[in-house]
Amino acid sequence: MSAVVRSLLKLATVHRYSSYAYFSLSTPYCAAKKSISDEAIKAQTAKPIEDTIFGKIARKEIKIDLLHEDDQCVAFHDISKQAPTHFLVIPKEPIPQ
Protein backbone atom coordinates (compact mmCIF):
# COMPACT_ATOMS: atom_id res chain seq x y z
CA MET A 1 0.00 0.00 0.00
CA SER A 2 1.45 3.34 -0.98
CA ALA A 3 2.18 6.10 1.51
CA VAL A 4 -0.44 8.31 -0.16
CA VAL A 5 -3.16 5.68 0.29
CA ARG A 6 -2.15 5.11 3.93
CA SER A 7 -2.31 8.87 4.55
CA LEU A 8 -5.76 9.09 2.97
CA LEU A 9 -7.01 6.18 5.05
CA LYS A 10 -6.03 8.06 8.21
CA LEU A 11 -8.06 11.10 7.12
CA ALA A 12 -10.95 9.44 5.34
CA THR A 13 -13.95 7.34 6.17
CA VAL A 14 -14.40 4.34 3.90
CA HIS A 15 -17.99 3.64 2.86
CA ARG A 16 -18.86 0.29 1.31
CA TYR A 17 -21.97 -0.45 -0.70
CA SER A 18 -22.07 -3.87 -2.32
CA SER A 19 -18.76 -4.31 -4.15
CA TYR A 20 -18.11 -0.57 -4.40
CA ALA A 21 -16.18 1.56 -1.93
CA TYR A 22 -15.58 5.28 -1.78
CA PHE A 23 -13.73 7.61 0.55
CA SER A 24 -15.07 10.74 2.20
CA LEU A 25 -12.86 13.16 4.06
CA SER A 26 -14.09 14.22 7.45
CA THR A 27 -13.94 17.71 8.92
CA PRO A 28 -11.79 19.82 9.29
CA TYR A 29 -10.30 18.69 5.97
CA CYS A 30 -13.46 19.44 4.00
CA ALA A 31 -16.77 21.21 4.54
CA ALA A 32 -19.15 19.59 6.99
CA LYS A 33 -21.75 17.32 5.45
CA LYS A 34 -25.37 18.30 5.94
CA SER A 35 -27.73 15.63 7.04
CA ILE A 36 -30.65 14.94 4.76
CA SER A 37 -34.07 16.04 5.91
CA ASP A 38 -36.69 13.79 7.44
CA GLU A 39 -38.85 14.29 4.33
CA ALA A 40 -36.03 13.12 2.05
CA ILE A 41 -35.53 10.02 4.20
CA LYS A 42 -39.27 9.31 4.04
CA ALA A 43 -39.20 9.73 0.25
CA GLN A 44 -36.26 7.33 -0.10
CA THR A 45 -37.91 4.65 2.01
CA ALA A 46 -41.50 5.10 0.81
CA LYS A 47 -43.31 2.18 -0.71
CA PRO A 48 -44.77 2.76 -4.21
CA ILE A 49 -48.29 3.21 -2.82
CA GLU A 50 -47.25 5.70 -0.13
CA ASP A 51 -47.28 9.43 -0.78
CA THR A 52 -44.06 11.45 -0.64
CA ILE A 53 -43.18 15.12 -0.38
CA PHE A 54 -42.30 15.07 -4.09
CA GLY A 55 -45.73 13.73 -5.05
CA LYS A 56 -47.34 16.53 -3.04
CA ILE A 57 -45.14 19.10 -4.80
CA ALA A 58 -45.97 17.67 -8.24
CA ARG A 59 -49.71 17.87 -7.42
CA LYS A 60 -49.24 21.45 -6.12
CA GLU A 61 -50.44 20.54 -2.62
CA ILE A 62 -47.32 22.20 -1.21
CA LYS A 63 -46.37 25.74 -2.16
CA ILE A 64 -42.91 26.03 -3.78
CA ASP A 65 -40.74 28.57 -5.58
CA LEU A 66 -41.51 27.23 -9.07
CA LEU A 67 -38.81 27.67 -11.74
CA HIS A 68 -40.27 25.57 -14.56
CA GLU A 69 -43.22 23.31 -15.21
CA ASP A 70 -44.29 21.31 -18.23
CA ASP A 71 -46.38 18.20 -18.83
CA GLN A 72 -43.57 15.89 -17.61
CA CYS A 73 -41.69 17.62 -14.80
CA VAL A 74 -41.48 20.40 -12.22
CA ALA A 75 -38.31 22.37 -11.35
CA PHE A 76 -38.01 24.34 -8.11
CA HIS A 77 -35.47 25.74 -5.65
CA ASP A 78 -34.30 23.35 -2.94
CA ILE A 79 -35.09 24.53 0.60
CA SER A 80 -31.67 23.27 1.78
CA LYS A 81 -29.42 24.80 -0.84
CA GLN A 82 -25.95 23.27 -1.16
CA ALA A 83 -24.73 25.81 -3.74
CA PRO A 84 -25.74 29.28 -5.00
CA THR A 85 -27.52 27.66 -7.96
CA HIS A 86 -29.26 24.60 -6.54
CA PHE A 87 -32.62 23.38 -7.73
CA LEU A 88 -34.51 20.11 -8.02
CA VAL A 89 -36.29 18.65 -11.03
CA ILE A 90 -38.87 15.95 -10.35
CA PRO A 91 -41.17 14.02 -12.68
CA LYS A 92 -44.90 14.59 -12.37
CA GLU A 93 -45.56 10.85 -12.56
CA PRO A 94 -43.73 8.53 -10.14
CA ILE A 95 -41.00 6.38 -11.65
CA PRO A 96 -41.50 2.72 -10.70
CA GLN A 97 -38.67 1.21 -8.68
PDB file of N, CA and C in Angstrom:
ATOM      1  N   MET A   1       0.856  -1.168   0.000  1.00  0.00           N
ATOM      2  CA  MET A   1       0.000   0.000   0.000  1.00  0.00           C
ATOM      3  C   MET A   1       0.905   1.235   0.000  1.00  0.00           C
ATOM      4  N   SER A   2       0.595   2.164  -0.870  1.00  0.00           N
ATOM      5  CA  SER A   2       1.453   3.344  -0.984  1.00  0.00           C
ATOM      6  C   SER A   2       1.267   4.275   0.212  1.00  0.00           C
ATOM      7  N   ALA A   3       2.239   5.133   0.409  1.00  0.00           N
ATOM      8  CA  ALA A   3       2.184   6.096   1.512  1.00  0.00           C
ATOM      9  C   ALA A   3       1.011   7.050   1.341  1.00  0.00           C
ATOM     10  N   VAL A   4       0.694   7.399   0.100  1.00  0.00           N
ATOM     11  CA  VAL A   4      -0.441   8.306  -0.158  1.00  0.00           C
ATOM     12  C   VAL A   4      -1.744   7.652   0.276  1.00  0.00           C
ATOM     13  N   VAL A   5      -1.932   6.390  -0.082  1.00  0.00           N
ATOM     14  CA  VAL A   5      -3.158   5.678   0.293  1.00  0.00           C
ATOM     15  C   VAL A   5      -3.242   5.541   1.806  1.00  0.00           C
ATOM     16  N   ARG A   6      -2.141   5.214   2.464  1.00  0.00           N
ATOM     17  CA  ARG A   6      -2.147   5.107   3.931  1.00  0.00           C
ATOM     18  C   ARG A   6      -2.506   6.441   4.568  1.00  0.00           C
ATOM     19  N   SER A   7      -1.988   7.543   4.019  1.00  0.00           N
ATOM     20  CA  SER A   7      -2.313   8.874   4.551  1.00  0.00           C
ATOM     21  C   SER A   7      -3.788   9.184   4.375  1.00  0.00           C
ATOM     22  N   LEU A   8      -4.331   8.848   3.204  1.00  0.00           N
ATOM     23  CA  LEU A   8      -5.756   9.089   2.966  1.00  0.00           C
ATOM     24  C   LEU A   8      -6.620   8.267   3.908  1.00  0.00           C
ATOM     25  N   LEU A   9      -6.223   7.030   4.155  1.00  0.00           N
ATOM     26  CA  LEU A   9      -7.007   6.181   5.047  1.00  0.00           C
ATOM     27  C   LEU A   9      -7.056   6.734   6.462  1.00  0.00           C
ATOM     28  N   LYS A  10      -6.019   7.443   6.885  1.00  0.00           N
ATOM     29  CA  LYS A  10      -6.025   8.061   8.209  1.00  0.00           C
ATOM     30  C   LYS A  10      -7.008   9.221   8.270  1.00  0.00           C
ATOM     31  N   LEU A  11      -7.201   9.918   7.152  1.00  0.00           N
ATOM     32  CA  LEU A  11      -8.063  11.099   7.120  1.00  0.00           C
ATOM     33  C   LEU A  11      -9.483  10.796   6.680  1.00  0.00           C
ATOM     34  N   ALA A  12      -9.680   9.691   6.003  1.00  0.00           N
ATOM     35  CA  ALA A  12     -10.954   9.443   5.337  1.00  0.00           C
ATOM     36  C   ALA A  12     -11.758   8.363   6.034  1.00  0.00           C
ATOM     37  N   THR A  13     -13.039   8.389   5.763  1.00  0.00           N
ATOM     38  CA  THR A  13     -13.950   7.337   6.173  1.00  0.00           C
ATOM     39  C   THR A  13     -14.242   6.505   4.934  1.00  0.00           C
ATOM     40  N   VAL A  14     -14.130   5.206   5.043  1.00  0.00           N
ATOM     41  CA  VAL A  14     -14.404   4.338   3.901  1.00  0.00           C
ATOM     42  C   VAL A  14     -15.847   3.878   3.995  1.00  0.00           C
ATOM     43  N   HIS A  15     -16.594   4.070   2.925  1.00  0.00           N
ATOM     44  CA  HIS A  15     -17.988   3.641   2.858  1.00  0.00           C
ATOM     45  C   HIS A  15     -18.064   2.495   1.861  1.00  0.00           C
ATOM     46  N   ARG A  16     -18.738   1.429   2.220  1.00  0.00           N
ATOM     47  CA  ARG A  16     -18.864   0.289   1.312  1.00  0.00           C
ATOM     48  C   ARG A  16     -20.336   0.027   1.027  1.00  0.00           C
ATOM     49  N   TYR A  17     -20.649  -0.070  -0.241  1.00  0.00           N
ATOM     50  CA  TYR A  17     -21.974  -0.453  -0.697  1.00  0.00           C
ATOM     51  C   TYR A  17     -21.767  -1.551  -1.724  1.00  0.00           C
ATOM     52  N   SER A  18     -22.236  -2.740  -1.416  1.00  0.00           N
ATOM     53  CA  SER A  18     -22.072  -3.865  -2.319  1.00  0.00           C
ATOM     54  C   SER A  18     -20.588  -4.055  -2.590  1.00  0.00           C
ATOM     55  N   SER A  19     -20.178  -4.117  -3.844  1.00  0.00           N
ATOM     56  CA  SER A  19     -18.757  -4.311  -4.146  1.00  0.00           C
ATOM     57  C   SER A  19     -18.032  -2.997  -4.382  1.00  0.00           C
ATOM     58  N   TYR A  20     -18.711  -1.871  -4.180  1.00  0.00           N
ATOM     59  CA  TYR A  20     -18.107  -0.567  -4.400  1.00  0.00           C
ATOM     60  C   TYR A  20     -17.672   0.044  -3.075  1.00  0.00           C
ATOM     61  N   ALA A  21     -16.633   0.842  -3.116  1.00  0.00           N
ATOM     62  CA  ALA A  21     -16.179   1.562  -1.930  1.00  0.00           C
ATOM     63  C   ALA A  21     -15.783   2.961  -2.353  1.00  0.00           C
ATOM     64  N   TYR A  22     -16.043   3.930  -1.502  1.00  0.00           N
ATOM     65  CA  TYR A  22     -15.579   5.283  -1.781  1.00  0.00           C
ATOM     66  C   TYR A  22     -15.105   5.900  -0.479  1.00  0.00           C
ATOM     67  N   PHE A  23     -14.297   6.928  -0.597  1.00  0.00           N
ATOM     68  CA  PHE A  23     -13.730   7.612   0.554  1.00  0.00           C
ATOM     69  C   PHE A  23     -14.403   8.957   0.722  1.00  0.00           C
ATOM     70  N   SER A  24     -14.621   9.367   1.946  1.00  0.00           N
ATOM     71  CA  SER A  24     -15.074  10.738   2.200  1.00  0.00           C
ATOM     72  C   SER A  24     -14.201  11.312   3.302  1.00  0.00           C
ATOM     73  N   LEU A  25     -13.697  12.505   3.062  1.00  0.00           N
ATOM     74  CA  LEU A  25     -12.860  13.159   4.064  1.00  0.00           C
ATOM     75  C   LEU A  25     -13.743  13.760   5.135  1.00  0.00           C
ATOM     76  N   SER A  26     -13.309  13.655   6.362  1.00  0.00           N
ATOM     77  CA  SER A  26     -14.086  14.224   7.454  1.00  0.00           C
ATOM     78  C   SER A  26     -13.556  15.607   7.796  1.00  0.00           C
ATOM     79  N   THR A  27     -14.361  16.380   8.509  1.00  0.00           N
ATOM     80  CA  THR A  27     -13.935  17.708   8.921  1.00  0.00           C
ATOM     81  C   THR A  27     -12.716  17.572   9.815  1.00  0.00           C
ATOM     82  N   PRO A  28     -11.819  18.486   9.888  1.00  0.00           N
ATOM     83  CA  PRO A  28     -11.794  19.815   9.285  1.00  0.00           C
ATOM     84  C   PRO A  28     -11.192  19.853   7.889  1.00  0.00           C
ATOM     85  N   TYR A  29     -10.965  18.718   7.266  1.00  0.00           N
ATOM     86  CA  TYR A  29     -10.304  18.687   5.965  1.00  0.00           C
ATOM     87  C   TYR A  29     -11.233  19.049   4.810  1.00  0.00           C
ATOM     88  N   CYS A  30     -12.512  19.008   5.019  1.00  0.00           N
ATOM     89  CA  CYS A  30     -13.457  19.445   3.996  1.00  0.00           C
ATOM     90  C   CYS A  30     -14.687  19.990   4.705  1.00  0.00           C
ATOM     91  N   ALA A  31     -15.572  20.607   3.952  1.00  0.00           N
ATOM     92  CA  ALA A  31     -16.769  21.212   4.539  1.00  0.00           C
ATOM     93  C   ALA A  31     -17.622  20.136   5.208  1.00  0.00           C
ATOM     94  N   ALA A  32     -18.295  20.521   6.261  1.00  0.00           N
ATOM     95  CA  ALA A  32     -19.151  19.586   6.990  1.00  0.00           C
ATOM     96  C   ALA A  32     -20.296  19.127   6.101  1.00  0.00           C
ATOM     97  N   LYS A  33     -20.633  17.851   6.215  1.00  0.00           N
ATOM     98  CA  LYS A  33     -21.754  17.318   5.450  1.00  0.00           C
ATOM     99  C   LYS A  33     -23.050  17.703   6.146  1.00  0.00           C
ATOM    100  N   LYS A  34     -24.050  18.047   5.368  1.00  0.00           N
ATOM    101  CA  LYS A  34     -25.365  18.305   5.945  1.00  0.00           C
ATOM    102  C   LYS A  34     -26.128  16.992   5.978  1.00  0.00           C
ATOM    103  N   SER A  35     -26.911  16.823   6.999  1.00  0.00           N
ATOM    104  CA  SER A  35     -27.735  15.627   7.044  1.00  0.00           C
ATOM    105  C   SER A  35     -28.961  15.857   6.168  1.00  0.00           C
ATOM    106  N   ILE A  36     -29.480  14.774   5.606  1.00  0.00           N
ATOM    107  CA  ILE A  36     -30.652  14.940   4.763  1.00  0.00           C
ATOM    108  C   ILE A  36     -31.883  15.080   5.643  1.00  0.00           C
ATOM    109  N   SER A  37     -32.881  15.736   5.118  1.00  0.00           N
ATOM    110  CA  SER A  37     -34.066  16.044   5.908  1.00  0.00           C
ATOM    111  C   SER A  37     -34.899  14.793   6.159  1.00  0.00           C
ATOM    112  N   ASP A  38     -35.784  14.892   7.134  1.00  0.00           N
ATOM    113  CA  ASP A  38     -36.691  13.790   7.435  1.00  0.00           C
ATOM    114  C   ASP A  38     -37.565  13.465   6.230  1.00  0.00           C
ATOM    115  N   GLU A  39     -37.999  14.509   5.501  1.00  0.00           N
ATOM    116  CA  GLU A  39     -38.848  14.293   4.331  1.00  0.00           C
ATOM    117  C   GLU A  39     -38.095  13.531   3.244  1.00  0.00           C
ATOM    118  N   ALA A  40     -36.819  13.835   3.061  1.00  0.00           N
ATOM    119  CA  ALA A  40     -36.026  13.123   2.052  1.00  0.00           C
ATOM    120  C   ALA A  40     -35.855  11.660   2.441  1.00  0.00           C
ATOM    121  N   ILE A  41     -35.649  11.398   3.730  1.00  0.00           N
ATOM    122  CA  ILE A  41     -35.534  10.016   4.201  1.00  0.00           C
ATOM    123  C   ILE A  41     -36.847   9.282   3.972  1.00  0.00           C
ATOM    124  N   LYS A  42     -37.964   9.932   4.277  1.00  0.00           N
ATOM    125  CA  LYS A  42     -39.275   9.312   4.042  1.00  0.00           C
ATOM    126  C   LYS A  42     -39.472   9.012   2.561  1.00  0.00           C
ATOM    127  N   ALA A  43     -39.047   9.931   1.695  1.00  0.00           N
ATOM    128  CA  ALA A  43     -39.200   9.726   0.254  1.00  0.00           C
ATOM    129  C   ALA A  43     -38.352   8.556  -0.232  1.00  0.00           C
ATOM    130  N   GLN A  44     -37.151   8.416   0.317  1.00  0.00           N
ATOM    131  CA  GLN A  44     -36.265   7.335  -0.099  1.00  0.00           C
ATOM    132  C   GLN A  44     -36.771   5.975   0.353  1.00  0.00           C
ATOM    133  N   THR A  45     -37.461   5.928   1.467  1.00  0.00           N
ATOM    134  CA  THR A  45     -37.906   4.648   2.013  1.00  0.00           C
ATOM    135  C   THR A  45     -39.387   4.378   1.773  1.00  0.00           C
ATOM    136  N   ALA A  46     -40.061   5.256   1.042  1.00  0.00           N
ATOM    137  CA  ALA A  46     -41.498   5.098   0.811  1.00  0.00           C
ATOM    138  C   ALA A  46     -41.775   3.910  -0.104  1.00  0.00           C
ATOM    139  N   LYS A  47     -42.864   3.251   0.164  1.00  0.00           N
ATOM    140  CA  LYS A  47     -43.311   2.184  -0.712  1.00  0.00           C
ATOM    141  C   LYS A  47     -44.034   2.837  -1.893  1.00  0.00           C
ATOM    142  N   PRO A  48     -44.154   2.147  -3.034  1.00  0.00           N
ATOM    143  CA  PRO A  48     -44.773   2.759  -4.213  1.00  0.00           C
ATOM    144  C   PRO A  48     -46.169   3.329  -3.970  1.00  0.00           C
ATOM    145  N   ILE A  49     -46.926   2.738  -3.066  1.00  0.00           N
ATOM    146  CA  ILE A  49     -48.291   3.206  -2.819  1.00  0.00           C
ATOM    147  C   ILE A  49     -48.303   4.447  -1.927  1.00  0.00           C
ATOM    148  N   GLU A  50     -47.301   4.583  -1.070  1.00  0.00           N
ATOM    149  CA  GLU A  50     -47.255   5.698  -0.133  1.00  0.00           C
ATOM    150  C   GLU A  50     -47.000   7.022  -0.845  1.00  0.00           C
ATOM    151  N   ASP A  51     -47.487   8.097  -0.240  1.00  0.00           N
ATOM    152  CA  ASP A  51     -47.283   9.431  -0.780  1.00  0.00           C
ATOM    153  C   ASP A  51     -45.976  10.002  -0.241  1.00  0.00           C
ATOM    154  N   THR A  52     -45.308  10.815  -1.055  1.00  0.00           N
ATOM    155  CA  THR A  52     -44.062  11.451  -0.642  1.00  0.00           C
ATOM    156  C   THR A  52     -44.191  12.961  -0.779  1.00  0.00           C
ATOM    157  N   ILE A  53     -43.213  13.666  -0.255  1.00  0.00           N
ATOM    158  CA  ILE A  53     -43.177  15.120  -0.377  1.00  0.00           C
ATOM    159  C   ILE A  53     -43.128  15.524  -1.847  1.00  0.00           C
ATOM    160  N   PHE A  54     -42.437  14.734  -2.677  1.00  0.00           N
ATOM    161  CA  PHE A  54     -42.304  15.069  -4.088  1.00  0.00           C
ATOM    162  C   PHE A  54     -43.626  14.893  -4.835  1.00  0.00           C
ATOM    163  N   GLY A  55     -44.405  13.893  -4.462  1.00  0.00           N
ATOM    164  CA  GLY A  55     -45.732  13.732  -5.054  1.00  0.00           C
ATOM    165  C   GLY A  55     -46.635  14.903  -4.710  1.00  0.00           C
ATOM    166  N   LYS A  56     -46.544  15.371  -3.467  1.00  0.00           N
ATOM    167  CA  LYS A  56     -47.340  16.525  -3.043  1.00  0.00           C
ATOM    168  C   LYS A  56     -46.923  17.785  -3.792  1.00  0.00           C
ATOM    169  N   ILE A  57     -45.621  17.940  -4.039  1.00  0.00           N
ATOM    170  CA  ILE A  57     -45.142  19.101  -4.798  1.00  0.00           C
ATOM    171  C   ILE A  57     -45.630  19.015  -6.239  1.00  0.00           C
ATOM    172  N   ALA A  58     -45.539  17.841  -6.855  1.00  0.00           N
ATOM    173  CA  ALA A  58     -45.975  17.666  -8.243  1.00  0.00           C
ATOM    174  C   ALA A  58     -47.466  17.949  -8.402  1.00  0.00           C
ATOM    175  N   ARG A  59     -48.261  17.616  -7.375  1.00  0.00           N
ATOM    176  CA  ARG A  59     -49.711  17.874  -7.422  1.00  0.00           C
ATOM    177  C   ARG A  59     -50.078  19.273  -6.937  1.00  0.00           C
ATOM    178  N   LYS A  60     -49.074  20.069  -6.591  1.00  0.00           N
ATOM    179  CA  LYS A  60     -49.242  21.450  -6.118  1.00  0.00           C
ATOM    180  C   LYS A  60     -49.998  21.531  -4.795  1.00  0.00           C
ATOM    181  N   GLU A  61     -49.852  20.514  -3.953  1.00  0.00           N
ATOM    182  CA  GLU A  61     -50.443  20.540  -2.621  1.00  0.00           C
ATOM    183  C   GLU A  61     -49.548  21.304  -1.653  1.00  0.00           C
ATOM    184  N   ILE A  62     -48.284  21.458  -2.017  1.00  0.00           N
ATOM    185  CA  ILE A  62     -47.319  22.200  -1.209  1.00  0.00           C
ATOM    186  C   ILE A  62     -46.817  23.363  -2.047  1.00  0.00           C
ATOM    187  N   LYS A  63     -46.813  24.547  -1.446  1.00  0.00           N
ATOM    188  CA  LYS A  63     -46.368  25.740  -2.164  1.00  0.00           C
ATOM    189  C   LYS A  63     -44.842  25.734  -2.286  1.00  0.00           C
ATOM    190  N   ILE A  64     -44.350  26.016  -3.503  1.00  0.00           N
ATOM    191  CA  ILE A  64     -42.913  26.026  -3.777  1.00  0.00           C
ATOM    192  C   ILE A  64     -42.555  27.234  -4.627  1.00  0.00           C
ATOM    193  N   ASP A  65     -41.260  27.518  -4.704  1.00  0.00           N
ATOM    194  CA  ASP A  65     -40.740  28.570  -5.576  1.00  0.00           C
ATOM    195  C   ASP A  65     -40.493  27.932  -6.944  1.00  0.00           C
ATOM    196  N   LEU A  66     -41.518  27.933  -7.787  1.00  0.00           N
ATOM    197  CA  LEU A  66     -41.506  27.230  -9.069  1.00  0.00           C
ATOM    198  C   LEU A  66     -40.590  27.918 -10.076  1.00  0.00           C
ATOM    199  N   LEU A  67     -39.699  27.153 -10.694  1.00  0.00           N
ATOM    200  CA  LEU A  67     -38.813  27.667 -11.741  1.00  0.00           C
ATOM    201  C   LEU A  67     -39.307  27.291 -13.130  1.00  0.00           C
ATOM    202  N   HIS A  68     -39.817  26.067 -13.261  1.00  0.00           N
ATOM    203  CA  HIS A  68     -40.267  25.568 -14.561  1.00  0.00           C
ATOM    204  C   HIS A  68     -41.284  24.462 -14.332  1.00  0.00           C
ATOM    205  N   GLU A  69     -42.245  24.396 -15.247  1.00  0.00           N
ATOM    206  CA  GLU A  69     -43.216  23.306 -15.210  1.00  0.00           C
ATOM    207  C   GLU A  69     -43.645  23.006 -16.630  1.00  0.00           C
ATOM    208  N   ASP A  70     -43.712  21.731 -16.962  1.00  0.00           N
ATOM    209  CA  ASP A  70     -44.292  21.313 -18.231  1.00  0.00           C
ATOM    210  C   ASP A  70     -45.127  20.065 -17.968  1.00  0.00           C
ATOM    211  N   ASP A  71     -45.506  19.357 -19.023  1.00  0.00           N
ATOM    212  CA  ASP A  71     -46.377  18.199 -18.826  1.00  0.00           C
ATOM    213  C   ASP A  71     -45.656  17.002 -18.206  1.00  0.00           C
ATOM    214  N   GLN A  72     -44.314  17.028 -18.143  1.00  0.00           N
ATOM    215  CA  GLN A  72     -43.571  15.891 -17.614  1.00  0.00           C
ATOM    216  C   GLN A  72     -42.877  16.134 -16.283  1.00  0.00           C
ATOM    217  N   CYS A  73     -42.491  17.388 -16.001  1.00  0.00           N
ATOM    218  CA  CYS A  73     -41.691  17.616 -14.797  1.00  0.00           C
ATOM    219  C   CYS A  73     -41.947  18.989 -14.185  1.00  0.00           C
ATOM    220  N   VAL A  74     -41.409  19.147 -12.964  1.00  0.00           N
ATOM    221  CA  VAL A  74     -41.479  20.402 -12.217  1.00  0.00           C
ATOM    222  C   VAL A  74     -40.067  20.695 -11.713  1.00  0.00           C
ATOM    223  N   ALA A  75     -39.617  21.943 -11.862  1.00  0.00           N
ATOM    224  CA  ALA A  75     -38.309  22.367 -11.347  1.00  0.00           C
ATOM    225  C   ALA A  75     -38.537  23.461 -10.313  1.00  0.00           C
ATOM    226  N   PHE A  76     -37.820  23.373  -9.185  1.00  0.00           N
ATOM    227  CA  PHE A  76     -38.008  24.344  -8.111  1.00  0.00           C
ATOM    228  C   PHE A  76     -36.735  24.443  -7.284  1.00  0.00           C
ATOM    229  N   HIS A  77     -36.619  25.542  -6.525  1.00  0.00           N
ATOM    230  CA  HIS A  77     -35.466  25.743  -5.650  1.00  0.00           C
ATOM    231  C   HIS A  77     -35.542  24.782  -4.472  1.00  0.00           C
ATOM    232  N   ASP A  78     -34.401  24.227  -4.096  1.00  0.00           N
ATOM    233  CA  ASP A  78     -34.303  23.348  -2.936  1.00  0.00           C
ATOM    234  C   ASP A  78     -34.346  24.206  -1.674  1.00  0.00           C
ATOM    235  N   ILE A  79     -35.027  23.741  -0.639  1.00  0.00           N
ATOM    236  CA  ILE A  79     -35.089  24.527   0.600  1.00  0.00           C
ATOM    237  C   ILE A  79     -33.785  24.440   1.385  1.00  0.00           C
ATOM    238  N   SER A  80     -32.975  23.420   1.122  1.00  0.00           N
ATOM    239  CA  SER A  80     -31.670  23.275   1.780  1.00  0.00           C
ATOM    240  C   SER A  80     -30.575  23.391   0.729  1.00  0.00           C
ATOM    241  N   LYS A  81     -30.376  24.596   0.241  1.00  0.00           N
ATOM    242  CA  LYS A  81     -29.418  24.803  -0.845  1.00  0.00           C
ATOM    243  C   LYS A  81     -28.018  24.376  -0.438  1.00  0.00           C
ATOM    244  N   GLN A  82     -27.330  23.696  -1.353  1.00  0.00           N
ATOM    245  CA  GLN A  82     -25.951  23.269  -1.159  1.00  0.00           C
ATOM    246  C   GLN A  82     -24.990  24.113  -1.987  1.00  0.00           C
ATOM    247  N   ALA A  83     -25.536  24.953  -2.865  1.00  0.00           N
ATOM    248  CA  ALA A  83     -24.729  25.806  -3.741  1.00  0.00           C
ATOM    249  C   ALA A  83     -25.578  27.023  -4.111  1.00  0.00           C
ATOM    250  N   PRO A  84     -24.956  28.089  -4.610  1.00  0.00           N
ATOM    251  CA  PRO A  84     -25.735  29.277  -4.998  1.00  0.00           C
ATOM    252  C   PRO A  84     -26.817  28.971  -6.039  1.00  0.00           C
ATOM    253  N   THR A  85     -26.524  28.072  -6.970  1.00  0.00           N
ATOM    254  CA  THR A  85     -27.519  27.659  -7.961  1.00  0.00           C
ATOM    255  C   THR A  85     -27.844  26.201  -7.695  1.00  0.00           C
ATOM    256  N   HIS A  86     -28.879  25.960  -6.912  1.00  0.00           N
ATOM    257  CA  HIS A  86     -29.255  24.598  -6.535  1.00  0.00           C
ATOM    258  C   HIS A  86     -30.761  24.483  -6.670  1.00  0.00           C
ATOM    259  N   PHE A  87     -31.196  23.605  -7.561  1.00  0.00           N
ATOM    260  CA  PHE A  87     -32.621  23.379  -7.730  1.00  0.00           C
ATOM    261  C   PHE A  87     -32.870  21.902  -7.980  1.00  0.00           C
ATOM    262  N   LEU A  88     -34.111  21.507  -7.824  1.00  0.00           N
ATOM    263  CA  LEU A  88     -34.506  20.112  -8.021  1.00  0.00           C
ATOM    264  C   LEU A  88     -35.455  20.023  -9.201  1.00  0.00           C
ATOM    265  N   VAL A  89     -35.372  18.943  -9.934  1.00  0.00           N
ATOM    266  CA  VAL A  89     -36.291  18.652 -11.030  1.00  0.00           C
ATOM    267  C   VAL A  89     -36.882  17.286 -10.732  1.00  0.00           C
ATOM    268  N   ILE A  90     -38.211  17.228 -10.654  1.00  0.00           N
ATOM    269  CA  ILE A  90     -38.872  15.954 -10.352  1.00  0.00           C
ATOM    270  C   ILE A  90     -39.906  15.651 -11.428  1.00  0.00           C
ATOM    271  N   PRO A  91     -40.131  14.374 -11.713  1.00  0.00           N
ATOM    272  CA  PRO A  91     -41.166  14.015 -12.684  1.00  0.00           C
ATOM    273  C   PRO A  91     -42.546  14.179 -12.061  1.00  0.00           C
ATOM    274  N   LYS A  92     -43.529  14.474 -12.889  1.00  0.00           N
ATOM    275  CA  LYS A  92     -44.896  14.592 -12.367  1.00  0.00           C
ATOM    276  C   LYS A  92     -45.486  13.220 -12.046  1.00  0.00           C
ATOM    277  N   GLU A  93     -45.102  12.214 -12.807  1.00  0.00           N
ATOM    278  CA  GLU A  93     -45.557  10.848 -12.556  1.00  0.00           C
ATOM    279  C   GLU A  93     -44.442  10.082 -11.855  1.00  0.00           C
ATOM    280  N   PRO A  94     -44.771   9.300 -10.834  1.00  0.00           N
ATOM    281  CA  PRO A  94     -43.729   8.530 -10.143  1.00  0.00           C
ATOM    282  C   PRO A  94     -43.041   7.548 -11.090  1.00  0.00           C
ATOM    283  N   ILE A  95     -41.762   7.348 -10.869  1.00  0.00           N
ATOM    284  CA  ILE A  95     -40.999   6.382 -11.651  1.00  0.00           C
ATOM    285  C   ILE A  95     -40.986   5.077 -10.862  1.00  0.00           C
ATOM    286  N   PRO A  96     -41.473   3.983 -11.451  1.00  0.00           N
ATOM    287  CA  PRO A  96     -41.497   2.720 -10.704  1.00  0.00           C
ATOM    288  C   PRO A  96     -40.092   2.271 -10.335  1.00  0.00           C
ATOM    289  N   GLN A  97     -39.987   1.659  -9.150  1.00  0.00           N
ATOM    290  CA  GLN A  97     -38.671   1.209  -8.676  1.00  0.00           C
ATOM    291  C   GLN A  97     -38.320  -0.128  -9.269  1.00  0.00           C
TER     292      GLN A  97
END
